[in-house]
Amino acid sequence: MESALPAAGFLYWVGAGTVAYLALRISYSLFTALRVWGVGNEAGVGPGLGEWAVVTGSTDGIGKSYAEELAKHGMKVVLISRSKDKLDQVSSEISNYT
């Protein structure tokens, strides 16, 4: 029965190490989320990443919002869409931001 005690001690430390590792990973993820959502991440958008941006689905929804924000940050935007009429309309709207 005494031979089981060293194994139990080893398993205790394996479990404690796993819990500590998971706690650090979760803390880091929460810190990163707080930094991005709470403080903002303005350096991640704009000409510092390059001069041009390509946005697909740029006439509606999220694609349109991305195109507008990138244009506001001074980037040159290439718009891609299936509808020529909507594409011309969004292009004229975005050209007012530059």
N, C-alpha and C. Protein backbone atom coordinates (compact mmCIF):
# COMPACT_ATOMS: atom_id res chain seq x y z
N MET A 1 0.82 -1.19 0.00
CA MET A 1 0.00 0.00 0.00
C MET A 1 0.86 1.26 0.00
N GLU A 2 2.05 1.16 0.53
CA GLU A 2 2.92 2.32 0.59
C GLU A 2 3.44 2.73 -0.79
N SER A 3 3.44 1.83 -1.75
CA SER A 3 3.93 2.16 -3.09
C SER A 3 2.96 3.07 -3.83
N ALA A 4 1.71 3.16 -3.42
CA ALA A 4 0.72 4.01 -4.08
C ALA A 4 0.89 5.47 -3.69
N LEU A 5 1.51 5.76 -2.56
CA LEU A 5 1.64 7.13 -2.10
C LEU A 5 2.51 7.99 -3.02
N PRO A 6 3.66 7.53 -3.51
CA PRO A 6 4.43 8.38 -4.43
C PRO A 6 3.67 8.67 -5.72
N ALA A 7 2.92 7.71 -6.22
CA ALA A 7 2.14 7.93 -7.43
C ALA A 7 1.05 8.97 -7.18
N ALA A 8 0.42 8.93 -6.02
CA ALA A 8 -0.62 9.90 -5.70
C ALA A 8 -0.03 11.30 -5.61
N GLY A 9 1.15 11.41 -5.03
CA GLY A 9 1.80 12.71 -4.95
C GLY A 9 2.15 13.25 -6.32
N PHE A 10 2.62 12.37 -7.20
CA PHE A 10 2.95 12.78 -8.56
C PHE A 10 1.70 13.26 -9.30
N LEU A 11 0.61 12.52 -9.17
CA LEU A 11 -0.64 12.90 -9.84
C LEU A 11 -1.19 14.21 -9.28
N TYR A 12 -0.99 14.43 -7.99
CA TYR A 12 -1.41 15.70 -7.39
C TYR A 12 -0.70 16.87 -8.08
N TRP A 13 0.61 16.75 -8.27
CA TRP A 13 1.36 17.85 -8.89
C TRP A 13 1.05 17.99 -10.38
N VAL A 14 0.75 16.90 -11.04
CA VAL A 14 0.32 16.99 -12.45
C VAL A 14 -1.00 17.75 -12.54
N GLY A 15 -1.92 17.43 -11.66
CA GLY A 15 -3.21 18.13 -11.64
C GLY A 15 -3.06 19.60 -11.27
N ALA A 16 -2.23 19.88 -10.28
CA ALA A 16 -2.01 21.28 -9.88
C ALA A 16 -1.35 22.07 -11.00
N GLY A 17 -0.41 21.46 -11.70
CA GLY A 17 0.23 22.14 -12.83
C GLY A 17 -0.75 22.40 -13.96
N THR A 18 -1.63 21.44 -14.22
CA THR A 18 -2.64 21.62 -15.26
C THR A 18 -3.60 22.74 -14.91
N VAL A 19 -4.05 22.79 -13.68
CA VAL A 19 -4.95 23.85 -13.25
C VAL A 19 -4.27 25.21 -13.34
N ALA A 20 -3.01 25.29 -12.93
CA ALA A 20 -2.27 26.56 -13.01
C ALA A 20 -2.11 26.99 -14.46
N TYR A 21 -1.78 26.04 -15.35
CA TYR A 21 -1.63 26.35 -16.77
C TYR A 21 -2.93 26.87 -17.36
N LEU A 22 -4.03 26.20 -17.08
CA LEU A 22 -5.33 26.64 -17.61
C LEU A 22 -5.73 28.00 -17.04
N ALA A 23 -5.45 28.23 -15.77
CA ALA A 23 -5.77 29.53 -15.18
C ALA A 23 -4.98 30.64 -15.85
N LEU A 24 -3.71 30.40 -16.14
CA LEU A 24 -2.90 31.41 -16.83
C LEU A 24 -3.39 31.65 -18.25
N ARG A 25 -3.76 30.59 -18.96
CA ARG A 25 -4.26 30.74 -20.34
C ARG A 25 -5.56 31.54 -20.35
N ILE A 26 -6.47 31.24 -19.44
CA ILE A 26 -7.75 31.96 -19.37
C ILE A 26 -7.51 33.41 -18.99
N SER A 27 -6.63 33.66 -18.06
CA SER A 27 -6.31 35.04 -17.66
C SER A 27 -5.73 35.82 -18.83
N TYR A 28 -4.83 35.20 -19.58
CA TYR A 28 -4.24 35.87 -20.74
C TYR A 28 -5.30 36.17 -21.79
N SER A 29 -6.21 35.23 -22.03
CA SER A 29 -7.28 35.45 -23.01
C SER A 29 -8.19 36.59 -22.58
N LEU A 30 -8.54 36.62 -21.31
CA LEU A 30 -9.39 37.70 -20.81
C LEU A 30 -8.68 39.05 -20.89
N PHE A 31 -7.40 39.07 -20.57
CA PHE A 31 -6.63 40.31 -20.66
C PHE A 31 -6.57 40.80 -22.10
N THR A 32 -6.34 39.90 -23.04
CA THR A 32 -6.29 40.27 -24.46
C THR A 32 -7.64 40.80 -24.92
N ALA A 33 -8.72 40.14 -24.54
CA ALA A 33 -10.06 40.60 -24.92
C ALA A 33 -10.34 41.98 -24.33
N LEU A 34 -9.97 42.19 -23.08
CA LEU A 34 -10.18 43.49 -22.45
C LEU A 34 -9.38 44.58 -23.17
N ARG A 35 -8.14 44.25 -23.55
CA ARG A 35 -7.30 45.22 -24.24
C ARG A 35 -7.88 45.59 -25.60
N VAL A 36 -8.38 44.61 -26.34
CA VAL A 36 -8.91 44.87 -27.67
C VAL A 36 -10.26 45.56 -27.60
N TRP A 37 -11.18 45.05 -26.77
CA TRP A 37 -12.53 45.60 -26.73
C TRP A 37 -12.62 46.85 -25.85
N GLY A 38 -11.93 46.85 -24.74
CA GLY A 38 -12.06 47.96 -23.81
C GLY A 38 -11.22 49.15 -24.19
N VAL A 39 -9.99 48.92 -24.52
CA VAL A 39 -9.07 50.02 -24.81
C VAL A 39 -9.11 50.38 -26.29
N GLY A 40 -9.33 49.41 -27.14
CA GLY A 40 -9.32 49.63 -28.57
C GLY A 40 -8.00 49.18 -29.16
N ASN A 41 -8.03 48.97 -30.44
CA ASN A 41 -6.84 48.49 -31.12
C ASN A 41 -6.66 49.28 -32.40
N GLU A 42 -6.53 50.57 -32.29
CA GLU A 42 -6.42 51.45 -33.46
C GLU A 42 -5.17 51.17 -34.27
N ALA A 43 -4.11 50.71 -33.64
CA ALA A 43 -2.88 50.47 -34.38
C ALA A 43 -3.02 49.29 -35.33
N GLY A 44 -4.02 48.43 -35.13
CA GLY A 44 -4.23 47.27 -35.98
C GLY A 44 -4.93 47.59 -37.28
N VAL A 45 -5.36 48.82 -37.48
CA VAL A 45 -6.05 49.21 -38.70
C VAL A 45 -5.40 50.47 -39.24
N GLY A 46 -5.22 50.50 -40.52
CA GLY A 46 -4.72 51.73 -41.12
C GLY A 46 -3.51 51.51 -42.00
N PRO A 47 -2.95 52.60 -42.49
CA PRO A 47 -1.84 52.52 -43.43
C PRO A 47 -0.59 51.86 -42.88
N GLY A 48 -0.47 51.70 -41.59
CA GLY A 48 0.68 51.01 -41.04
C GLY A 48 0.78 49.57 -41.49
N LEU A 49 -0.35 48.98 -41.87
CA LEU A 49 -0.37 47.61 -42.36
C LEU A 49 -0.14 47.52 -43.85
N GLY A 50 -0.24 48.61 -44.54
CA GLY A 50 -0.10 48.64 -46.00
C GLY A 50 -0.94 49.76 -46.55
N GLU A 51 -0.73 50.04 -47.80
CA GLU A 51 -1.42 51.17 -48.43
C GLU A 51 -2.80 50.78 -48.96
N TRP A 52 -2.98 49.52 -49.33
CA TRP A 52 -4.21 49.06 -49.97
C TRP A 52 -4.94 48.03 -49.12
N ALA A 53 -6.27 47.99 -49.29
CA ALA A 53 -7.09 46.95 -48.67
C ALA A 53 -8.10 46.47 -49.71
N VAL A 54 -8.36 45.17 -49.73
CA VAL A 54 -9.36 44.58 -50.62
C VAL A 54 -10.51 44.10 -49.75
N VAL A 55 -11.73 44.53 -50.09
CA VAL A 55 -12.91 44.17 -49.31
C VAL A 55 -13.90 43.49 -50.24
N THR A 56 -14.23 42.23 -49.95
CA THR A 56 -15.23 41.51 -50.73
C THR A 56 -16.58 41.67 -50.06
N GLY A 57 -17.64 41.62 -50.86
CA GLY A 57 -18.98 41.81 -50.32
C GLY A 57 -19.16 43.19 -49.75
N SER A 58 -18.63 44.17 -50.47
CA SER A 58 -18.52 45.52 -49.91
C SER A 58 -19.75 46.39 -50.11
N THR A 59 -20.86 45.85 -50.60
CA THR A 59 -22.03 46.70 -50.82
C THR A 59 -23.05 46.61 -49.71
N ASP A 60 -22.94 45.64 -48.84
CA ASP A 60 -23.92 45.49 -47.75
C ASP A 60 -23.24 44.99 -46.49
N GLY A 61 -23.85 45.27 -45.37
CA GLY A 61 -23.48 44.68 -44.10
C GLY A 61 -22.06 44.92 -43.63
N ILE A 62 -21.43 43.86 -43.19
CA ILE A 62 -20.11 43.95 -42.58
C ILE A 62 -19.07 44.41 -43.59
N GLY A 63 -19.16 43.91 -44.82
CA GLY A 63 -18.19 44.32 -45.84
C GLY A 63 -18.22 45.81 -46.09
N LYS A 64 -19.41 46.37 -46.12
CA LYS A 64 -19.55 47.82 -46.33
C LYS A 64 -18.97 48.59 -45.15
N SER A 65 -19.24 48.11 -43.95
CA SER A 65 -18.70 48.77 -42.75
C SER A 65 -17.17 48.72 -42.73
N TYR A 66 -16.61 47.56 -43.09
CA TYR A 66 -15.15 47.45 -43.16
C TYR A 66 -14.58 48.45 -44.17
N ALA A 67 -15.20 48.51 -45.34
CA ALA A 67 -14.71 49.41 -46.38
C ALA A 67 -14.76 50.86 -45.91
N GLU A 68 -15.83 51.24 -45.25
CA GLU A 68 -15.97 52.61 -44.76
C GLU A 68 -14.90 52.93 -43.71
N GLU A 69 -14.71 52.01 -42.76
CA GLU A 69 -13.72 52.25 -41.70
C GLU A 69 -12.30 52.32 -42.25
N LEU A 70 -11.99 51.44 -43.19
CA LEU A 70 -10.65 51.47 -43.77
C LEU A 70 -10.43 52.77 -44.54
N ALA A 71 -11.44 53.24 -45.24
CA ALA A 71 -11.31 54.51 -45.96
C ALA A 71 -11.16 55.67 -44.98
N LYS A 72 -11.87 55.63 -43.87
CA LYS A 72 -11.74 56.67 -42.86
C LYS A 72 -10.34 56.72 -42.26
N HIS A 73 -9.68 55.54 -42.20
CA HIS A 73 -8.32 55.48 -41.66
C HIS A 73 -7.26 55.78 -42.71
N GLY A 74 -7.69 56.22 -43.88
CA GLY A 74 -6.74 56.66 -44.89
C GLY A 74 -6.20 55.60 -45.82
N MET A 75 -6.83 54.44 -45.85
CA MET A 75 -6.35 53.39 -46.74
C MET A 75 -7.05 53.48 -48.09
N LYS A 76 -6.37 53.03 -49.13
CA LYS A 76 -6.97 52.91 -50.45
C LYS A 76 -7.69 51.57 -50.48
N VAL A 77 -8.96 51.59 -50.89
CA VAL A 77 -9.80 50.40 -50.77
C VAL A 77 -10.23 49.92 -52.16
N VAL A 78 -10.06 48.62 -52.40
CA VAL A 78 -10.56 47.98 -53.61
C VAL A 78 -11.84 47.26 -53.21
N LEU A 79 -12.95 47.62 -53.85
CA LEU A 79 -14.25 47.05 -53.53
C LEU A 79 -14.59 45.93 -54.51
N ILE A 80 -15.10 44.83 -54.00
CA ILE A 80 -15.52 43.70 -54.83
C ILE A 80 -16.95 43.36 -54.46
N SER A 81 -17.81 43.25 -55.50
CA SER A 81 -19.21 42.95 -55.26
C SER A 81 -19.80 42.29 -56.50
N ARG A 82 -20.97 41.68 -56.33
CA ARG A 82 -21.65 41.06 -57.47
C ARG A 82 -22.52 42.06 -58.22
N SER A 83 -22.95 43.11 -57.56
CA SER A 83 -23.87 44.07 -58.17
C SER A 83 -23.14 45.36 -58.55
N LYS A 84 -23.12 45.67 -59.82
CA LYS A 84 -22.42 46.86 -60.32
C LYS A 84 -23.07 48.15 -59.80
N ASP A 85 -24.41 48.19 -59.78
CA ASP A 85 -25.11 49.40 -59.32
C ASP A 85 -24.80 49.71 -57.86
N LYS A 86 -24.89 48.69 -57.01
CA LYS A 86 -24.58 48.90 -55.59
C LYS A 86 -23.11 49.26 -55.40
N LEU A 87 -22.26 48.64 -56.21
CA LEU A 87 -20.83 48.90 -56.12
C LEU A 87 -20.52 50.35 -56.44
N ASP A 88 -21.16 50.90 -57.48
CA ASP A 88 -20.96 52.31 -57.83
C ASP A 88 -21.46 53.23 -56.72
N GLN A 89 -22.59 52.88 -56.11
CA GLN A 89 -23.15 53.70 -55.03
C GLN A 89 -22.22 53.71 -53.81
N VAL A 90 -21.76 52.55 -53.39
CA VAL A 90 -20.87 52.47 -52.22
C VAL A 90 -19.54 53.15 -52.54
N SER A 91 -19.07 53.00 -53.75
CA SER A 91 -17.81 53.63 -54.14
C SER A 91 -17.91 55.15 -54.04
N SER A 92 -19.02 55.71 -54.48
CA SER A 92 -19.17 57.17 -54.39
C SER A 92 -19.32 57.62 -52.93
N GLU A 93 -19.97 56.81 -52.09
CA GLU A 93 -20.09 57.14 -50.67
C GLU A 93 -18.72 57.12 -49.98
N ILE A 94 -17.93 56.10 -50.28
CA ILE A 94 -16.63 55.94 -49.63
C ILE A 94 -15.64 56.99 -50.12
N SER A 95 -15.76 57.42 -51.36
CA SER A 95 -14.82 58.41 -51.87
C SER A 95 -14.97 59.75 -51.14
N ASN A 96 -16.08 59.97 -50.47
CA ASN A 96 -16.27 61.19 -49.68
C ASN A 96 -15.43 61.17 -48.40
N TYR A 97 -15.01 59.97 -47.94
CA TYR A 97 -14.21 59.88 -46.71
C TYR A 97 -12.76 60.26 -46.91
N THR A 98 -12.28 60.16 -48.13
CA THR A 98 -10.85 60.42 -48.36
C THR A 98 -10.59 61.87 -48.66
